[in-house]
Amino acid sequence: EKKQILTIPNLLSLLRLLMIPLFVWLYLNGYECWTAFVLVLSGVTDVVDGFIARNFGQVSDLGKAFDPVADKLTQAAMLLCLVSRHPMMIVPFILLAVKEVCAAVSGVIVIRKTGIVPGAEWHGKLTTLLLYGMMILHVVWQDIPLWVSNTLNIGCIVMMLTSLVLYGRRNIRAIYSATKHEGSREEAAE
């Protein structure tokens, strides 16, 4: 049932949201290992909620929208924390914000035009995986060499830009197709 609200995957997404203040507090108070543990736990709940949703018939429109919001807020909060020690983290943070605003606006238009809530694609999942890996490494590796930090950062930035372009292309095609379909229906009605 696509209209389900109270599902295990949605509860896991809510749990991820509730973990954000916890890992922010842990990081800001110098508990790096615990911060990394909570981040890994957050990533695991993300994988588990997707598995449960797909394999146990608990995919819902709310989950398709709620899950990425929990992910992006987690990533944004951790990136902002990392800026205090690694100023270059501001670049993926800004890119994440731009990417998500573009995806949200075009996604809402797709939903309004087609009635379909588009799901995540491989490049979005890979971007998330790379971001989590980069963030966790920066949390636990206190004296990470600048070249390693920059290499990881650049890899994430390239993947985020790739994902932005691919999601943008998908959403523009869906909007164009729906608009074209509306036009042909209106012509037929005349």
C-alpha atoms as a PDB file:
ATOM      1  CA  GLU A   1       0.000   0.000   0.000  1.00  0.00           C
ATOM      2  CA  LYS A   2       1.652   3.223  -1.194  1.00  0.00           C
ATOM      3  CA  LYS A   3      -0.306   5.344   1.318  1.00  0.00           C
ATOM      4  CA  GLN A   4       1.082   3.543   4.397  1.00  0.00           C
ATOM      5  CA  ILE A   5       2.532   5.813   7.052  1.00  0.00           C
ATOM      6  CA  LEU A   6       3.371   3.656  10.061  1.00  0.00           C
ATOM      7  CA  THR A   7       5.865   1.209   8.563  1.00  0.00           C
ATOM      8  CA  ILE A   8       9.160  -0.152   9.863  1.00  0.00           C
ATOM      9  CA  PRO A   9      11.155   1.691   7.144  1.00  0.00           C
ATOM     10  CA  ASN A  10       9.466   5.005   8.026  1.00  0.00           C
ATOM     11  CA  LEU A  11      10.158   4.427  11.736  1.00  0.00           C
ATOM     12  CA  LEU A  12      13.823   3.740  10.890  1.00  0.00           C
ATOM     13  CA  SER A  13      13.953   7.021   8.949  1.00  0.00           C
ATOM     14  CA  LEU A  14      12.508   8.785  11.996  1.00  0.00           C
ATOM     15  CA  LEU A  15      15.167   7.110  14.159  1.00  0.00           C
ATOM     16  CA  ARG A  16      17.852   8.488  11.797  1.00  0.00           C
ATOM     17  CA  LEU A  17      16.452  11.982  12.267  1.00  0.00           C
ATOM     18  CA  LEU A  18      16.569  11.528  16.044  1.00  0.00           C
ATOM     19  CA  MET A  19      20.236  10.461  15.820  1.00  0.00           C
ATOM     20  CA  ILE A  20      21.284  13.828  14.339  1.00  0.00           C
ATOM     21  CA  PRO A  21      21.365  15.837  17.598  1.00  0.00           C
ATOM     22  CA  LEU A  22      23.117  12.899  19.269  1.00  0.00           C
ATOM     23  CA  PHE A  23      26.040  12.653  16.827  1.00  0.00           C
ATOM     24  CA  VAL A  24      26.351  16.454  16.621  1.00  0.00           C
ATOM     25  CA  TRP A  25      26.655  16.607  20.430  1.00  0.00           C
ATOM     26  CA  LEU A  26      29.099  13.684  20.470  1.00  0.00           C
ATOM     27  CA  TYR A  27      31.308  15.252  17.794  1.00  0.00           C
ATOM     28  CA  LEU A  28      31.316  18.737  19.311  1.00  0.00           C
ATOM     29  CA  ASN A  29      32.257  17.272  22.685  1.00  0.00           C
ATOM     30  CA  GLY A  30      35.203  15.269  21.337  1.00  0.00           C
ATOM     31  CA  TYR A  31      33.686  11.778  21.284  1.00  0.00           C
ATOM     32  CA  GLU A  32      34.879  10.928  17.770  1.00  0.00           C
ATOM     33  CA  CYS A  33      34.615   7.144  18.069  1.00  0.00           C
ATOM     34  CA  TRP A  34      31.051   7.375  19.377  1.00  0.00           C
ATOM     35  CA  THR A  35      30.227   9.887  16.634  1.00  0.00           C
ATOM     36  CA  ALA A  36      31.509   7.423  14.024  1.00  0.00           C
ATOM     37  CA  PHE A  37      29.537   4.597  15.667  1.00  0.00           C
ATOM     38  CA  VAL A  38      26.283   6.605  15.518  1.00  0.00           C
ATOM     39  CA  LEU A  39      26.991   7.577  11.893  1.00  0.00           C
ATOM     40  CA  VAL A  40      27.603   3.929  10.950  1.00  0.00           C
ATOM     41  CA  LEU A  41      24.426   2.946  12.798  1.00  0.00           C
ATOM     42  CA  SER A  42      22.548   5.648  10.883  1.00  0.00           C
ATOM     43  CA  GLY A  43      23.930   4.314   7.588  1.00  0.00           C
ATOM     44  CA  VAL A  44      22.975   0.749   8.547  1.00  0.00           C
ATOM     45  CA  THR A  45      19.383   1.795   9.337  1.00  0.00           C
ATOM     46  CA  ASP A  46      19.265   3.447   5.904  1.00  0.00           C
ATOM     47  CA  VAL A  47      20.278   0.196   4.181  1.00  0.00           C
ATOM     48  CA  VAL A  48      17.938  -1.890   6.368  1.00  0.00           C
ATOM     49  CA  ASP A  49      14.920   0.339   5.807  1.00  0.00           C
ATOM     50  CA  GLY A  50      15.377   0.111   2.042  1.00  0.00           C
ATOM     51  CA  PHE A  51      15.733  -3.679   2.231  1.00  0.00           C
ATOM     52  CA  ILE A  52      12.609  -4.054   4.369  1.00  0.00           C
ATOM     53  CA  ALA A  53      10.601  -1.674   2.188  1.00  0.00           C
ATOM     54  CA  ARG A  54      11.430  -3.514  -1.036  1.00  0.00           C
ATOM     55  CA  ASN A  55      11.316  -7.100   0.233  1.00  0.00           C
ATOM     56  CA  PHE A  56       8.354  -6.917   2.596  1.00  0.00           C
ATOM     57  CA  GLY A  57       5.981  -4.746   0.589  1.00  0.00           C
ATOM     58  CA  GLN A  58       6.450  -1.656   2.749  1.00  0.00           C
ATOM     59  CA  VAL A  59       7.370   0.822   0.010  1.00  0.00           C
ATOM     60  CA  SER A  60       5.295   3.952   0.573  1.00  0.00           C
ATOM     61  CA  ASP A  61       5.113   7.387  -0.993  1.00  0.00           C
ATOM     62  CA  LEU A  62       5.894   8.885   2.425  1.00  0.00           C
ATOM     63  CA  GLY A  63       8.956   6.646   2.722  1.00  0.00           C
ATOM     64  CA  LYS A  64      10.205   7.635  -0.729  1.00  0.00           C
ATOM     65  CA  ALA A  65      10.125  11.269   0.376  1.00  0.00           C
ATOM     66  CA  PHE A  66      10.999  10.865   4.088  1.00  0.00           C
ATOM     67  CA  ASP A  67      14.008   8.546   3.676  1.00  0.00           C
ATOM     68  CA  PRO A  68      16.076  10.934   1.536  1.00  0.00           C
ATOM     69  CA  VAL A  69      15.190  13.868   3.813  1.00  0.00           C
ATOM     70  CA  ALA A  70      16.581  11.952   6.807  1.00  0.00           C
ATOM     71  CA  ASP A  71      19.712  11.102   4.790  1.00  0.00           C
ATOM     72  CA  LYS A  72      20.329  14.637   3.575  1.00  0.00           C
ATOM     73  CA  LEU A  73      19.775  16.217   6.992  1.00  0.00           C
ATOM     74  CA  THR A  74      22.202  13.676   8.494  1.00  0.00           C
ATOM     75  CA  GLN A  75      24.803  14.448   5.826  1.00  0.00           C
ATOM     76  CA  ALA A  76      24.332  18.227   6.091  1.00  0.00           C
ATOM     77  CA  ALA A  77      24.645  18.186   9.892  1.00  0.00           C
ATOM     78  CA  MET A  78      27.809  16.065   9.812  1.00  0.00           C
ATOM     79  CA  LEU A  79      29.402  18.134   7.046  1.00  0.00           C
ATOM     80  CA  LEU A  80      28.723  21.306   9.029  1.00  0.00           C
ATOM     81  CA  CYS A  81      30.337  19.736  12.098  1.00  0.00           C
ATOM     82  CA  LEU A  82      33.387  18.769  10.022  1.00  0.00           C
ATOM     83  CA  VAL A  83      33.807  22.329   8.682  1.00  0.00           C
ATOM     84  CA  SER A  84      35.126  23.295  12.133  1.00  0.00           C
ATOM     85  CA  ARG A  85      38.238  21.125  11.578  1.00  0.00           C
ATOM     86  CA  HIS A  86      38.245  20.775   7.792  1.00  0.00           C
ATOM     87  CA  PRO A  87      37.198  24.089   6.191  1.00  0.00           C
ATOM     88  CA  MET A  88      37.019  22.535   2.686  1.00  0.00           C
ATOM     89  CA  MET A  89      33.975  20.518   3.848  1.00  0.00           C
ATOM     90  CA  ILE A  90      31.982  23.674   3.141  1.00  0.00           C
ATOM     91  CA  VAL A  91      32.176  22.850  -0.591  1.00  0.00           C
ATOM     92  CA  PRO A  92      30.307  19.497  -0.411  1.00  0.00           C
ATOM     93  CA  PHE A  93      27.923  21.071   2.121  1.00  0.00           C
ATOM     94  CA  ILE A  94      26.998  23.894  -0.287  1.00  0.00           C
ATOM     95  CA  LEU A  95      26.800  21.464  -3.209  1.00  0.00           C
ATOM     96  CA  LEU A  96      24.565  19.151  -1.159  1.00  0.00           C
ATOM     97  CA  ALA A  97      22.258  22.093  -0.400  1.00  0.00           C
ATOM     98  CA  VAL A  98      22.099  23.176  -4.063  1.00  0.00           C
ATOM     99  CA  LYS A  99      21.591  19.592  -5.272  1.00  0.00           C
ATOM    100  CA  GLU A 100      18.785  18.940  -2.805  1.00  0.00           C
ATOM    101  CA  VAL A 101      16.970  22.215  -3.495  1.00  0.00           C
ATOM    102  CA  CYS A 102      17.087  21.493  -7.247  1.00  0.00           C
ATOM    103  CA  ALA A 103      15.982  17.887  -6.700  1.00  0.00           C
ATOM    104  CA  ALA A 104      13.174  18.943  -4.351  1.00  0.00           C
ATOM    105  CA  VAL A 105      11.781  21.602  -6.693  1.00  0.00           C
ATOM    106  CA  SER A 106      11.935  19.410  -9.790  1.00  0.00           C
ATOM    107  CA  GLY A 107      10.703  16.400  -7.798  1.00  0.00           C
ATOM    108  CA  VAL A 108       7.600  18.290  -6.599  1.00  0.00           C
ATOM    109  CA  ILE A 109       6.867  19.314 -10.195  1.00  0.00           C
ATOM    110  CA  VAL A 110       7.247  15.682 -11.321  1.00  0.00           C
ATOM    111  CA  ILE A 111       4.850  14.539  -8.586  1.00  0.00           C
ATOM    112  CA  ARG A 112       2.284  17.215  -9.499  1.00  0.00           C
ATOM    113  CA  LYS A 113       2.507  16.481 -13.247  1.00  0.00           C
ATOM    114  CA  THR A 114       2.676  12.673 -13.101  1.00  0.00           C
ATOM    115  CA  GLY A 115       1.356  11.663  -9.671  1.00  0.00           C
ATOM    116  CA  ILE A 116       4.469   9.485  -9.297  1.00  0.00           C
ATOM    117  CA  VAL A 117       7.001   9.865  -6.466  1.00  0.00           C
ATOM    118  CA  PRO A 118      10.356   9.091  -8.106  1.00  0.00           C
ATOM    119  CA  GLY A 119      12.689   6.832  -6.134  1.00  0.00           C
ATOM    120  CA  ALA A 120      16.436   6.959  -5.600  1.00  0.00           C
ATOM    121  CA  GLU A 121      18.760   5.790  -8.371  1.00  0.00           C
ATOM    122  CA  TRP A 122      22.192   4.126  -8.306  1.00  0.00           C
ATOM    123  CA  HIS A 123      24.139   7.399  -8.553  1.00  0.00           C
ATOM    124  CA  GLY A 124      22.265   8.874  -5.589  1.00  0.00           C
ATOM    125  CA  LYS A 125      23.008   5.767  -3.535  1.00  0.00           C
ATOM    126  CA  LEU A 126      26.677   5.826  -4.551  1.00  0.00           C
ATOM    127  CA  THR A 127      26.907   9.520  -3.635  1.00  0.00           C
ATOM    128  CA  THR A 128      25.438   8.744  -0.215  1.00  0.00           C
ATOM    129  CA  LEU A 129      27.876   5.866   0.309  1.00  0.00           C
ATOM    130  CA  LEU A 130      30.875   8.029  -0.644  1.00  0.00           C
ATOM    131  CA  LEU A 131      29.723  10.881   1.586  1.00  0.00           C
ATOM    132  CA  TYR A 132      29.265   8.587   4.589  1.00  0.00           C
ATOM    133  CA  GLY A 133      32.682   7.021   3.980  1.00  0.00           C
ATOM    134  CA  MET A 134      34.370  10.403   3.685  1.00  0.00           C
ATOM    135  CA  MET A 135      32.643  11.784   6.767  1.00  0.00           C
ATOM    136  CA  ILE A 136      33.399   8.765   8.948  1.00  0.00           C
ATOM    137  CA  LEU A 137      37.070   8.779   7.882  1.00  0.00           C
ATOM    138  CA  HIS A 138      37.350  12.481   8.753  1.00  0.00           C
ATOM    139  CA  VAL A 139      35.715  11.870  12.129  1.00  0.00           C
ATOM    140  CA  VAL A 140      37.988   9.007  13.212  1.00  0.00           C
ATOM    141  CA  TRP A 141      41.238  10.011  11.463  1.00  0.00           C
ATOM    142  CA  GLN A 142      42.136  13.093  13.506  1.00  0.00           C
ATOM    143  CA  ASP A 143      45.346  13.943  11.618  1.00  0.00           C
ATOM    144  CA  ILE A 144      44.192  12.929   8.153  1.00  0.00           C
ATOM    145  CA  PRO A 145      46.771  14.212   5.632  1.00  0.00           C
ATOM    146  CA  LEU A 146      45.518  17.165   3.605  1.00  0.00           C
ATOM    147  CA  TRP A 147      46.047  15.352   0.290  1.00  0.00           C
ATOM    148  CA  VAL A 148      43.911  12.393   1.452  1.00  0.00           C
ATOM    149  CA  SER A 149      41.222  14.762   2.729  1.00  0.00           C
ATOM    150  CA  ASN A 150      41.213  16.740  -0.531  1.00  0.00           C
ATOM    151  CA  THR A 151      41.159  13.580  -2.672  1.00  0.00           C
ATOM    152  CA  LEU A 152      38.149  12.214  -0.780  1.00  0.00           C
ATOM    153  CA  ASN A 153      36.469  15.611  -0.938  1.00  0.00           C
ATOM    154  CA  ILE A 154      37.005  15.932  -4.704  1.00  0.00           C
ATOM    155  CA  GLY A 155      35.709  12.384  -5.284  1.00  0.00           C
ATOM    156  CA  CYS A 156      32.518  13.207  -3.407  1.00  0.00           C
ATOM    157  CA  ILE A 157      32.111  16.534  -5.213  1.00  0.00           C
ATOM    158  CA  VAL A 158      32.474  14.873  -8.636  1.00  0.00           C
ATOM    159  CA  MET A 159      29.917  12.196  -7.717  1.00  0.00           C
ATOM    160  CA  MET A 160      27.502  14.792  -6.301  1.00  0.00           C
ATOM    161  CA  LEU A 161      27.721  16.838  -9.512  1.00  0.00           C
ATOM    162  CA  THR A 162      27.183  13.695 -11.597  1.00  0.00           C
ATOM    163  CA  SER A 163      24.139  12.767  -9.537  1.00  0.00           C
ATOM    164  CA  LEU A 164      22.768  16.319  -9.774  1.00  0.00           C
ATOM    165  CA  VAL A 165      22.976  16.192 -13.579  1.00  0.00           C
ATOM    166  CA  LEU A 166      21.461  12.688 -13.835  1.00  0.00           C
ATOM    167  CA  TYR A 167      18.553  13.422 -11.466  1.00  0.00           C
ATOM    168  CA  GLY A 168      17.967  16.744 -13.219  1.00  0.00           C
ATOM    169  CA  ARG A 169      17.851  15.021 -16.594  1.00  0.00           C
ATOM    170  CA  ARG A 170      15.447  12.345 -15.291  1.00  0.00           C
ATOM    171  CA  ASN A 171      13.103  14.915 -13.749  1.00  0.00           C
ATOM    172  CA  ILE A 172      13.155  17.228 -16.778  1.00  0.00           C
ATOM    173  CA  ARG A 173      12.300  14.276 -19.053  1.00  0.00           C
ATOM    174  CA  ALA A 174       9.420  13.252 -16.775  1.00  0.00           C
ATOM    175  CA  ILE A 175       8.077  16.822 -16.687  1.00  0.00           C
ATOM    176  CA  TYR A 176       8.444  17.208 -20.461  1.00  0.00           C
ATOM    177  CA  SER A 177       6.754  13.870 -21.110  1.00  0.00           C
ATOM    178  CA  ALA A 178       3.843  14.682 -18.784  1.00  0.00           C
ATOM    179  CA  THR A 179       3.441  18.160 -20.288  1.00  0.00           C
ATOM    180  CA  LYS A 180       3.497  16.719 -23.814  1.00  0.00           C
ATOM    181  CA  HIS A 181       0.915  14.122 -22.750  1.00  0.00           C
ATOM    182  CA  GLU A 182      -1.322  16.852 -21.286  1.00  0.00           C
ATOM    183  CA  GLY A 183      -1.049  18.835 -24.513  1.00  0.00           C
ATOM    184  CA  SER A 184      -2.080  15.888 -26.683  1.00  0.00           C
ATOM    185  CA  ARG A 185      -5.052  15.160 -24.375  1.00  0.00           C
ATOM    186  CA  GLU A 186      -6.193  18.781 -24.593  1.00  0.00           C
ATOM    187  CA  GLU A 187      -5.914  18.693 -28.383  1.00  0.00           C
ATOM    188  CA  ALA A 188      -7.975  15.488 -28.498  1.00  0.00           C
ATOM    189  CA  ALA A 189     -10.637  17.079 -26.292  1.00  0.00           C
ATOM    190  CA  GLU A 190     -11.012  20.038 -28.678  1.00  0.00           C
END
